C-alpha cells in the first residue's frame, strides 16, 4: 500500500519511532490539554495541576523542537532535494506535523517567561489555551492526511513509488 512519509516514519523501526514521534508528543500535549481545562475552570494558578501543566509545557516545546530540527534536516530537505514527495497529501501531512512546533514551543516560551513576561495570569492563560487549540488542529490535520493514501490525488500515479 502507498503511504505518506508521515505514516512510513511511524511504521518503521517499531515501536521506537511510534513512541518517539507520536506517543511522547501526544501524551505531553494531552496532559497540557487536560490540565488546561482544569485550570480554565478553576482558575487555580498555583496548585499541583498547574505545576504539571507547566512542566509538561516546558518539556513538550523543547522535545518537539528537537524532533522538528531532526526531521527537517534528515527528512524534509533530502525528500525535497530528491523530488520524492508523494503528492500534496504527503506534503500536507508532514508539514502540519512539523507545524506543531509553533504552538508547543510557544507554550514553552510562555512557561519560561520569554513570552508575555509583563502580562497578567489571565492573559497568559488565554494565550496558553490558544496555543493548545492550534496544536490540536495542526496535529489532527497531520494525522488525517498522514493516514490517506497519497495516490488519491495523483490520478493513479505517484511522484515516487515505494
N, C-alpha and C. Protein backbone atom coordinates (compact mmCIF):
# COMPACT_ATOMS: atom_id res chain seq x y z
N UNK A 1 0.83 -1.18 0.00
CA UNK A 1 0.00 0.00 0.00
C UNK A 1 0.88 1.25 0.00
N UNK A 2 0.46 2.24 -0.73
CA UNK A 2 1.15 3.53 -0.73
C UNK A 2 0.85 4.25 0.57
N UNK A 3 1.86 4.90 1.15
CA UNK A 3 1.64 5.66 2.37
C UNK A 3 2.47 6.93 2.35
N UNK A 4 2.04 7.87 3.15
CA UNK A 4 2.78 9.12 3.27
C UNK A 4 4.07 8.88 4.03
N UNK A 5 5.00 9.81 3.88
CA UNK A 5 6.24 9.73 4.66
C UNK A 5 5.94 9.78 6.16
N UNK A 6 4.91 10.50 6.53
CA UNK A 6 4.49 10.61 7.93
C UNK A 6 4.15 9.22 8.49
N UNK A 7 3.30 8.48 7.77
CA UNK A 7 2.93 7.13 8.23
C UNK A 7 4.10 6.16 8.14
N UNK A 8 4.91 6.33 7.11
CA UNK A 8 6.08 5.47 6.96
C UNK A 8 7.03 5.66 8.14
N UNK A 9 7.21 6.90 8.56
CA UNK A 9 8.05 7.18 9.73
C UNK A 9 7.53 6.45 10.96
N UNK A 10 6.21 6.54 11.18
CA UNK A 10 5.62 5.91 12.36
C UNK A 10 5.63 4.39 12.28
N UNK A 11 5.56 3.85 11.06
CA UNK A 11 5.51 2.39 10.87
C UNK A 11 6.89 1.75 10.95
N UNK A 12 7.92 2.49 10.60
CA UNK A 12 9.28 1.94 10.62
C UNK A 12 9.84 1.88 12.03
N UNK A 13 10.82 0.97 12.23
CA UNK A 13 11.57 0.87 13.49
C UNK A 13 10.65 0.72 14.70
N UNK A 14 9.65 -0.15 14.56
CA UNK A 14 8.67 -0.35 15.63
C UNK A 14 9.31 -0.90 16.89
N UNK A 15 8.93 -0.50 18.05
CA UNK A 15 7.95 0.52 18.38
C UNK A 15 8.56 1.90 18.59
N UNK A 16 9.87 2.02 18.34
CA UNK A 16 10.59 3.23 18.74
C UNK A 16 10.13 4.49 18.03
N UNK A 17 9.96 4.45 16.71
CA UNK A 17 9.52 5.67 16.02
C UNK A 17 8.14 6.09 16.47
N UNK A 18 7.26 5.12 16.68
CA UNK A 18 5.92 5.44 17.16
C UNK A 18 5.97 6.11 18.53
N UNK A 19 6.82 5.60 19.40
CA UNK A 19 6.96 6.19 20.73
C UNK A 19 7.59 7.59 20.67
N UNK A 20 8.68 7.71 19.93
CA UNK A 20 9.43 8.97 19.87
C UNK A 20 8.67 10.08 19.16
N UNK A 21 8.08 9.74 18.00
CA UNK A 21 7.47 10.78 17.16
C UNK A 21 5.97 10.95 17.35
N UNK A 22 5.31 9.99 18.03
CA UNK A 22 3.87 10.11 18.23
C UNK A 22 3.49 10.04 19.70
N UNK A 23 3.83 8.96 20.37
CA UNK A 23 3.33 8.74 21.73
C UNK A 23 3.80 9.82 22.71
N UNK A 24 5.07 10.09 22.76
CA UNK A 24 5.58 11.07 23.72
C UNK A 24 5.01 12.47 23.46
N UNK A 25 5.05 12.98 22.21
CA UNK A 25 4.45 14.30 21.99
C UNK A 25 2.95 14.34 22.29
N UNK A 26 2.22 13.28 21.94
CA UNK A 26 0.77 13.27 22.17
C UNK A 26 0.47 13.19 23.67
N UNK A 27 1.21 12.36 24.40
CA UNK A 27 1.00 12.27 25.85
C UNK A 27 1.26 13.63 26.51
N UNK A 28 2.33 14.30 26.11
CA UNK A 28 2.62 15.62 26.66
C UNK A 28 1.53 16.63 26.28
N UNK A 29 1.11 16.62 25.01
CA UNK A 29 0.08 17.56 24.56
C UNK A 29 -1.26 17.28 25.23
N UNK A 30 -1.62 16.03 25.39
CA UNK A 30 -2.87 15.70 26.05
C UNK A 30 -2.81 16.06 27.53
N UNK A 31 -1.66 15.89 28.14
CA UNK A 31 -1.50 16.31 29.54
C UNK A 31 -1.71 17.81 29.66
N UNK A 32 -1.14 18.55 28.72
CA UNK A 32 -1.32 20.01 28.72
C UNK A 32 -2.80 20.35 28.52
N UNK A 33 -3.44 19.70 27.54
CA UNK A 33 -4.84 20.00 27.23
C UNK A 33 -5.77 19.69 28.40
N UNK A 34 -5.58 18.54 29.02
CA UNK A 34 -6.45 18.14 30.14
C UNK A 34 -6.25 19.06 31.34
N UNK A 35 -5.01 19.33 31.68
CA UNK A 35 -4.75 20.21 32.82
C UNK A 35 -5.19 21.64 32.50
N UNK A 36 -5.10 22.02 31.23
CA UNK A 36 -5.55 23.35 30.80
C UNK A 36 -7.04 23.53 31.07
N UNK A 37 -7.83 22.52 30.78
CA UNK A 37 -9.27 22.60 31.03
C UNK A 37 -9.55 22.79 32.52
N UNK A 38 -8.83 22.06 33.35
CA UNK A 38 -8.98 22.20 34.79
C UNK A 38 -8.64 23.62 35.24
N UNK A 39 -7.53 24.13 34.74
CA UNK A 39 -7.08 25.48 35.13
C UNK A 39 -8.07 26.53 34.63
N UNK A 40 -8.57 26.37 33.41
CA UNK A 40 -9.56 27.32 32.89
C UNK A 40 -10.83 27.32 33.74
N UNK A 41 -11.21 26.15 34.21
CA UNK A 41 -12.44 26.04 35.00
C UNK A 41 -12.26 26.56 36.42
N UNK A 42 -11.14 26.19 37.06
CA UNK A 42 -10.95 26.53 38.48
C UNK A 42 -10.21 27.85 38.71
N UNK A 43 -9.45 28.28 37.71
CA UNK A 43 -8.58 29.46 37.85
C UNK A 43 -7.54 29.26 38.96
N UNK A 44 -7.17 28.01 39.19
CA UNK A 44 -6.17 27.67 40.19
C UNK A 44 -4.79 27.78 39.53
N UNK A 45 -4.12 28.91 39.72
CA UNK A 45 -2.84 29.19 39.07
C UNK A 45 -1.64 28.72 39.90
N UNK A 46 -1.86 28.12 41.04
CA UNK A 46 -0.75 27.79 41.92
C UNK A 46 -0.71 26.31 42.36
N UNK A 47 -1.71 25.54 42.06
CA UNK A 47 -1.81 24.18 42.56
C UNK A 47 -0.96 23.17 41.80
N UNK A 48 -1.11 21.92 42.18
CA UNK A 48 -0.37 20.81 41.58
C UNK A 48 -0.68 20.65 40.11
N UNK A 49 -1.95 20.82 39.74
CA UNK A 49 -2.34 20.66 38.33
C UNK A 49 -1.62 21.71 37.48
N UNK A 50 -1.51 22.92 37.98
CA UNK A 50 -0.79 23.97 37.24
C UNK A 50 0.68 23.63 37.12
N UNK A 51 1.26 23.04 38.15
CA UNK A 51 2.66 22.62 38.10
C UNK A 51 2.87 21.55 37.03
N UNK A 52 1.97 20.57 36.99
CA UNK A 52 2.04 19.52 35.97
C UNK A 52 1.91 20.14 34.58
N UNK A 53 0.98 21.07 34.43
CA UNK A 53 0.75 21.76 33.17
C UNK A 53 2.01 22.50 32.72
N UNK A 54 2.63 23.18 33.66
CA UNK A 54 3.84 23.96 33.36
C UNK A 54 5.00 23.06 32.95
N UNK A 55 5.23 22.00 33.71
CA UNK A 55 6.33 21.07 33.39
C UNK A 55 6.11 20.41 32.04
N UNK A 56 4.88 19.94 31.79
CA UNK A 56 4.57 19.31 30.50
C UNK A 56 4.74 20.32 29.37
N UNK A 57 4.37 21.57 29.60
CA UNK A 57 4.51 22.60 28.59
C UNK A 57 5.96 22.91 28.25
N UNK A 58 6.80 22.93 29.24
CA UNK A 58 8.23 23.19 29.01
C UNK A 58 8.87 22.02 28.27
N UNK A 59 8.60 20.81 28.75
CA UNK A 59 9.19 19.63 28.12
C UNK A 59 8.70 19.47 26.68
N UNK A 60 7.39 19.63 26.46
CA UNK A 60 6.81 19.41 25.13
C UNK A 60 7.44 20.31 24.07
N UNK A 61 7.60 21.57 24.39
CA UNK A 61 8.16 22.51 23.42
C UNK A 61 9.59 22.19 23.04
N UNK A 62 10.43 21.95 24.04
CA UNK A 62 11.82 21.62 23.75
C UNK A 62 11.93 20.27 23.04
N UNK A 63 11.14 19.30 23.49
CA UNK A 63 11.16 17.97 22.87
C UNK A 63 10.77 18.07 21.40
N UNK A 64 9.67 18.79 21.13
CA UNK A 64 9.21 18.88 19.74
C UNK A 64 10.15 19.73 18.89
N UNK A 65 10.83 20.69 19.47
CA UNK A 65 11.83 21.46 18.73
C UNK A 65 12.94 20.54 18.24
N UNK A 66 13.38 19.63 19.09
CA UNK A 66 14.41 18.66 18.69
C UNK A 66 13.88 17.76 17.56
N UNK A 67 12.63 17.29 17.69
CA UNK A 67 12.02 16.48 16.63
C UNK A 67 11.96 17.28 15.33
N UNK A 68 11.51 18.53 15.41
CA UNK A 68 11.41 19.37 14.22
C UNK A 68 12.77 19.50 13.54
N UNK A 69 13.79 19.85 14.30
CA UNK A 69 15.12 20.03 13.71
C UNK A 69 15.64 18.73 13.10
N UNK A 70 15.43 17.63 13.79
CA UNK A 70 15.86 16.33 13.30
C UNK A 70 15.15 15.97 11.99
N UNK A 71 13.83 16.05 11.98
CA UNK A 71 13.08 15.65 10.78
C UNK A 71 13.27 16.62 9.62
N UNK A 72 13.39 17.90 9.94
CA UNK A 72 13.59 18.87 8.86
C UNK A 72 14.92 18.61 8.16
N UNK A 73 15.97 18.38 8.94
CA UNK A 73 17.28 18.17 8.33
C UNK A 73 17.46 16.78 7.74
N UNK A 74 16.86 15.77 8.34
CA UNK A 74 17.08 14.38 7.90
C UNK A 74 15.99 13.84 6.99
N UNK A 75 14.85 14.53 6.90
CA UNK A 75 13.77 14.02 6.06
C UNK A 75 13.29 15.07 5.06
N UNK A 76 12.85 16.21 5.52
CA UNK A 76 12.24 17.20 4.63
C UNK A 76 13.22 17.68 3.57
N UNK A 77 14.40 18.09 3.96
CA UNK A 77 15.37 18.59 2.98
C UNK A 77 15.77 17.49 1.99
N UNK A 78 16.16 16.29 2.45
CA UNK A 78 16.52 15.25 1.48
C UNK A 78 15.36 14.83 0.56
N UNK A 79 14.15 14.73 1.10
CA UNK A 79 12.99 14.35 0.28
C UNK A 79 12.73 15.43 -0.77
N UNK A 80 12.84 16.67 -0.37
CA UNK A 80 12.60 17.78 -1.30
C UNK A 80 13.67 17.83 -2.38
N UNK A 81 14.92 17.72 -1.99
CA UNK A 81 16.03 17.75 -2.95
C UNK A 81 15.91 16.61 -3.96
N UNK A 82 15.51 15.43 -3.48
CA UNK A 82 15.39 14.26 -4.35
C UNK A 82 14.07 14.23 -5.13
N UNK A 83 13.17 15.16 -4.84
CA UNK A 83 11.88 15.19 -5.53
C UNK A 83 11.03 13.96 -5.23
N UNK A 84 11.07 13.50 -3.98
CA UNK A 84 10.39 12.26 -3.61
C UNK A 84 9.09 12.44 -2.83
N UNK A 85 8.51 13.64 -2.87
CA UNK A 85 7.23 13.83 -2.21
C UNK A 85 6.18 13.01 -2.94
N UNK A 86 5.27 12.41 -2.20
CA UNK A 86 4.25 11.52 -2.74
C UNK A 86 2.91 12.24 -2.85
N UNK A 87 2.84 13.25 -3.60
CA UNK A 87 1.68 14.13 -3.84
C UNK A 87 1.52 15.14 -2.71
N UNK A 88 0.60 16.06 -2.94
CA UNK A 88 0.35 17.14 -1.97
C UNK A 88 -0.15 16.60 -0.64
N UNK A 89 -0.80 15.44 -0.65
CA UNK A 89 -1.25 14.81 0.60
C UNK A 89 -0.06 14.56 1.51
N UNK A 90 1.01 14.06 0.95
CA UNK A 90 2.23 13.78 1.70
C UNK A 90 2.82 15.08 2.26
N UNK A 91 2.88 16.10 1.45
CA UNK A 91 3.43 17.39 1.87
C UNK A 91 2.59 17.97 3.00
N UNK A 92 1.27 17.90 2.89
CA UNK A 92 0.39 18.43 3.93
C UNK A 92 0.59 17.67 5.24
N UNK A 93 0.64 16.35 5.17
CA UNK A 93 0.79 15.54 6.38
C UNK A 93 2.08 15.89 7.12
N UNK A 94 3.18 15.92 6.40
CA UNK A 94 4.48 16.21 7.03
C UNK A 94 4.54 17.66 7.50
N UNK A 95 4.07 18.58 6.68
CA UNK A 95 4.12 20.00 7.04
C UNK A 95 3.31 20.31 8.28
N UNK A 96 2.10 19.77 8.36
CA UNK A 96 1.27 20.04 9.53
C UNK A 96 1.83 19.38 10.78
N UNK A 97 2.42 18.19 10.62
CA UNK A 97 3.08 17.56 11.77
C UNK A 97 4.17 18.49 12.30
N UNK A 98 5.02 18.97 11.40
CA UNK A 98 6.13 19.83 11.82
C UNK A 98 5.66 21.19 12.32
N UNK A 99 4.51 21.67 11.84
CA UNK A 99 3.96 22.93 12.33
C UNK A 99 3.61 22.87 13.82
N UNK A 100 3.49 21.68 14.36
CA UNK A 100 3.22 21.53 15.79
C UNK A 100 4.26 22.19 16.66
N UNK A 101 5.44 22.43 16.11
CA UNK A 101 6.49 23.09 16.89
C UNK A 101 6.10 24.52 17.26
N UNK A 102 5.33 25.18 16.42
CA UNK A 102 4.98 26.59 16.69
C UNK A 102 4.16 26.72 17.98
N UNK A 103 3.02 26.05 18.10
CA UNK A 103 2.29 26.22 19.36
C UNK A 103 2.97 25.56 20.56
N UNK A 104 3.60 24.40 20.37
CA UNK A 104 4.25 23.76 21.51
C UNK A 104 5.43 24.58 22.02
N UNK A 105 6.23 25.10 21.11
CA UNK A 105 7.35 25.92 21.58
C UNK A 105 6.84 27.27 22.09
N UNK A 106 5.72 27.74 21.56
CA UNK A 106 5.08 28.95 22.10
C UNK A 106 4.69 28.76 23.55
N UNK A 107 4.15 27.59 23.87
CA UNK A 107 3.80 27.27 25.25
C UNK A 107 5.06 27.27 26.12
N UNK A 108 6.13 26.68 25.60
CA UNK A 108 7.39 26.66 26.35
C UNK A 108 7.89 28.07 26.61
N UNK A 109 7.88 28.91 25.60
CA UNK A 109 8.33 30.30 25.77
C UNK A 109 7.47 31.03 26.81
N UNK A 110 6.19 30.76 26.80
CA UNK A 110 5.29 31.35 27.78
C UNK A 110 5.62 30.85 29.19
N UNK A 111 5.89 29.56 29.31
CA UNK A 111 6.15 28.96 30.62
C UNK A 111 7.49 29.40 31.21
N UNK A 112 8.49 29.61 30.37
CA UNK A 112 9.80 30.02 30.91
C UNK A 112 9.92 31.53 31.04
N UNK A 113 8.86 32.25 30.68
CA UNK A 113 8.84 33.70 30.85
C UNK A 113 9.46 34.49 29.72
N UNK A 114 9.76 33.86 28.61
CA UNK A 114 10.33 34.58 27.46
C UNK A 114 9.24 35.25 26.63
N UNK A 115 8.00 34.91 26.88
CA UNK A 115 6.86 35.47 26.15
C UNK A 115 5.82 35.91 27.18
N UNK A 116 5.33 37.12 27.05
CA UNK A 116 4.28 37.61 27.94
C UNK A 116 4.71 37.86 29.37
N UNK A 117 5.97 38.13 29.56
CA UNK A 117 6.53 38.31 30.91
C UNK A 117 5.78 39.40 31.70
N UNK A 118 5.41 40.48 31.05
CA UNK A 118 4.78 41.58 31.77
C UNK A 118 3.25 41.47 31.80
N UNK A 119 2.72 40.39 31.29
CA UNK A 119 1.27 40.22 31.25
C UNK A 119 0.75 39.53 32.50
N UNK A 120 -0.56 39.71 32.76
CA UNK A 120 -1.17 39.07 33.93
C UNK A 120 -1.50 37.60 33.63
N UNK A 121 -1.87 36.87 34.68
CA UNK A 121 -2.14 35.43 34.55
C UNK A 121 -3.30 35.14 33.61
N UNK A 122 -4.33 35.99 33.61
CA UNK A 122 -5.48 35.78 32.72
C UNK A 122 -5.06 35.85 31.25
N UNK A 123 -4.22 36.81 30.92
CA UNK A 123 -3.75 36.95 29.53
C UNK A 123 -2.93 35.73 29.14
N UNK A 124 -2.02 35.32 30.04
CA UNK A 124 -1.19 34.16 29.77
C UNK A 124 -2.04 32.90 29.61
N UNK A 125 -3.05 32.76 30.45
CA UNK A 125 -3.95 31.61 30.37
C UNK A 125 -4.66 31.59 29.02
N UNK A 126 -5.09 32.75 28.55
CA UNK A 126 -5.74 32.83 27.25
C UNK A 126 -4.82 32.44 26.12
N UNK A 127 -3.60 32.96 26.12
CA UNK A 127 -2.64 32.62 25.07
C UNK A 127 -2.26 31.14 25.14
N UNK A 128 -2.10 30.64 26.34
CA UNK A 128 -1.79 29.23 26.55
C UNK A 128 -2.88 28.36 25.92
N UNK A 129 -4.14 28.71 26.16
CA UNK A 129 -5.27 27.96 25.61
C UNK A 129 -5.30 28.05 24.08
N UNK A 130 -4.96 29.20 23.53
CA UNK A 130 -4.90 29.36 22.07
C UNK A 130 -3.82 28.46 21.49
N UNK A 131 -2.66 28.41 22.12
CA UNK A 131 -1.58 27.52 21.66
C UNK A 131 -2.01 26.05 21.70
N UNK A 132 -2.70 25.66 22.76
CA UNK A 132 -3.19 24.28 22.86
C UNK A 132 -4.16 23.99 21.71
N UNK A 133 -5.07 24.91 21.45
CA UNK A 133 -6.05 24.72 20.37
C UNK A 133 -5.36 24.62 19.01
N UNK A 134 -4.40 25.48 18.77
CA UNK A 134 -3.66 25.43 17.49
C UNK A 134 -2.94 24.10 17.34
N UNK A 135 -2.31 23.64 18.42
CA UNK A 135 -1.62 22.35 18.33
C UNK A 135 -2.60 21.23 18.00
N UNK A 136 -3.74 21.21 18.66
CA UNK A 136 -4.72 20.16 18.40
C UNK A 136 -5.17 20.17 16.94
N UNK A 137 -5.36 21.34 16.37
CA UNK A 137 -5.78 21.44 14.96
C UNK A 137 -4.68 20.93 14.04
N UNK A 138 -3.45 21.42 14.19
CA UNK A 138 -2.39 21.01 13.26
C UNK A 138 -2.07 19.52 13.41
N UNK A 139 -2.12 19.02 14.64
CA UNK A 139 -1.84 17.59 14.85
C UNK A 139 -2.90 16.71 14.21
N UNK A 140 -4.15 17.12 14.31
CA UNK A 140 -5.21 16.32 13.71
C UNK A 140 -5.20 16.40 12.19
N UNK A 141 -4.88 17.55 11.63
CA UNK A 141 -4.74 17.65 10.18
C UNK A 141 -3.62 16.73 9.71
N UNK A 142 -2.50 16.74 10.42
CA UNK A 142 -1.38 15.86 10.07
C UNK A 142 -1.79 14.40 10.13
N UNK A 143 -2.52 14.03 11.18
CA UNK A 143 -2.93 12.63 11.31
C UNK A 143 -3.89 12.21 10.21
N UNK A 144 -4.87 13.04 9.90
CA UNK A 144 -5.84 12.69 8.87
C UNK A 144 -5.15 12.56 7.52
N UNK A 145 -4.38 13.55 7.13
CA UNK A 145 -3.69 13.48 5.84
C UNK A 145 -2.62 12.39 5.84
N UNK A 146 -1.99 12.17 6.99
CA UNK A 146 -0.99 11.12 7.09
C UNK A 146 -1.54 9.74 6.86
N UNK A 147 -2.81 9.52 7.20
CA UNK A 147 -3.43 8.21 7.03
C UNK A 147 -3.99 8.00 5.62
N UNK A 148 -4.08 9.06 4.84
CA UNK A 148 -4.60 8.91 3.48
C UNK A 148 -3.56 8.25 2.57
N UNK A 149 -4.06 7.60 1.55
CA UNK A 149 -3.19 7.08 0.50
C UNK A 149 -2.83 8.28 -0.38
N UNK A 150 -1.56 8.61 -0.50
CA UNK A 150 -1.19 9.79 -1.28
C UNK A 150 -1.58 9.69 -2.75
N UNK A 151 -1.81 8.48 -3.26
CA UNK A 151 -2.20 8.29 -4.66
C UNK A 151 -3.61 8.79 -4.94
N UNK A 152 -4.38 9.13 -3.90
CA UNK A 152 -5.74 9.63 -4.12
C UNK A 152 -5.77 10.87 -5.01
N UNK A 153 -4.74 11.68 -4.93
CA UNK A 153 -4.71 12.92 -5.73
C UNK A 153 -3.73 12.84 -6.90
N UNK A 154 -3.28 11.64 -7.23
CA UNK A 154 -2.26 11.55 -8.26
C UNK A 154 -2.80 10.98 -9.57
N UNK A 155 -4.08 10.67 -9.63
CA UNK A 155 -4.63 10.06 -10.84
C UNK A 155 -4.07 8.66 -11.05
N UNK A 156 -3.69 8.00 -9.98
CA UNK A 156 -3.19 6.65 -10.07
C UNK A 156 -1.69 6.54 -10.15
N UNK A 157 -0.98 7.65 -10.31
CA UNK A 157 0.48 7.59 -10.35
C UNK A 157 1.02 8.39 -9.18
N UNK A 158 2.15 7.99 -8.72
CA UNK A 158 2.78 8.66 -7.60
C UNK A 158 4.02 9.40 -8.07
N UNK A 159 4.41 10.44 -7.34
CA UNK A 159 5.65 11.13 -7.64
C UNK A 159 6.83 10.19 -7.39
N UNK A 160 6.64 9.29 -6.47
CA UNK A 160 7.70 8.35 -6.11
C UNK A 160 7.04 7.06 -5.68
N UNK A 161 7.40 5.96 -6.28
CA UNK A 161 6.83 4.68 -5.88
C UNK A 161 7.66 4.08 -4.76
N UNK A 162 6.95 3.47 -3.82
CA UNK A 162 7.64 2.88 -2.67
C UNK A 162 8.25 1.55 -3.05
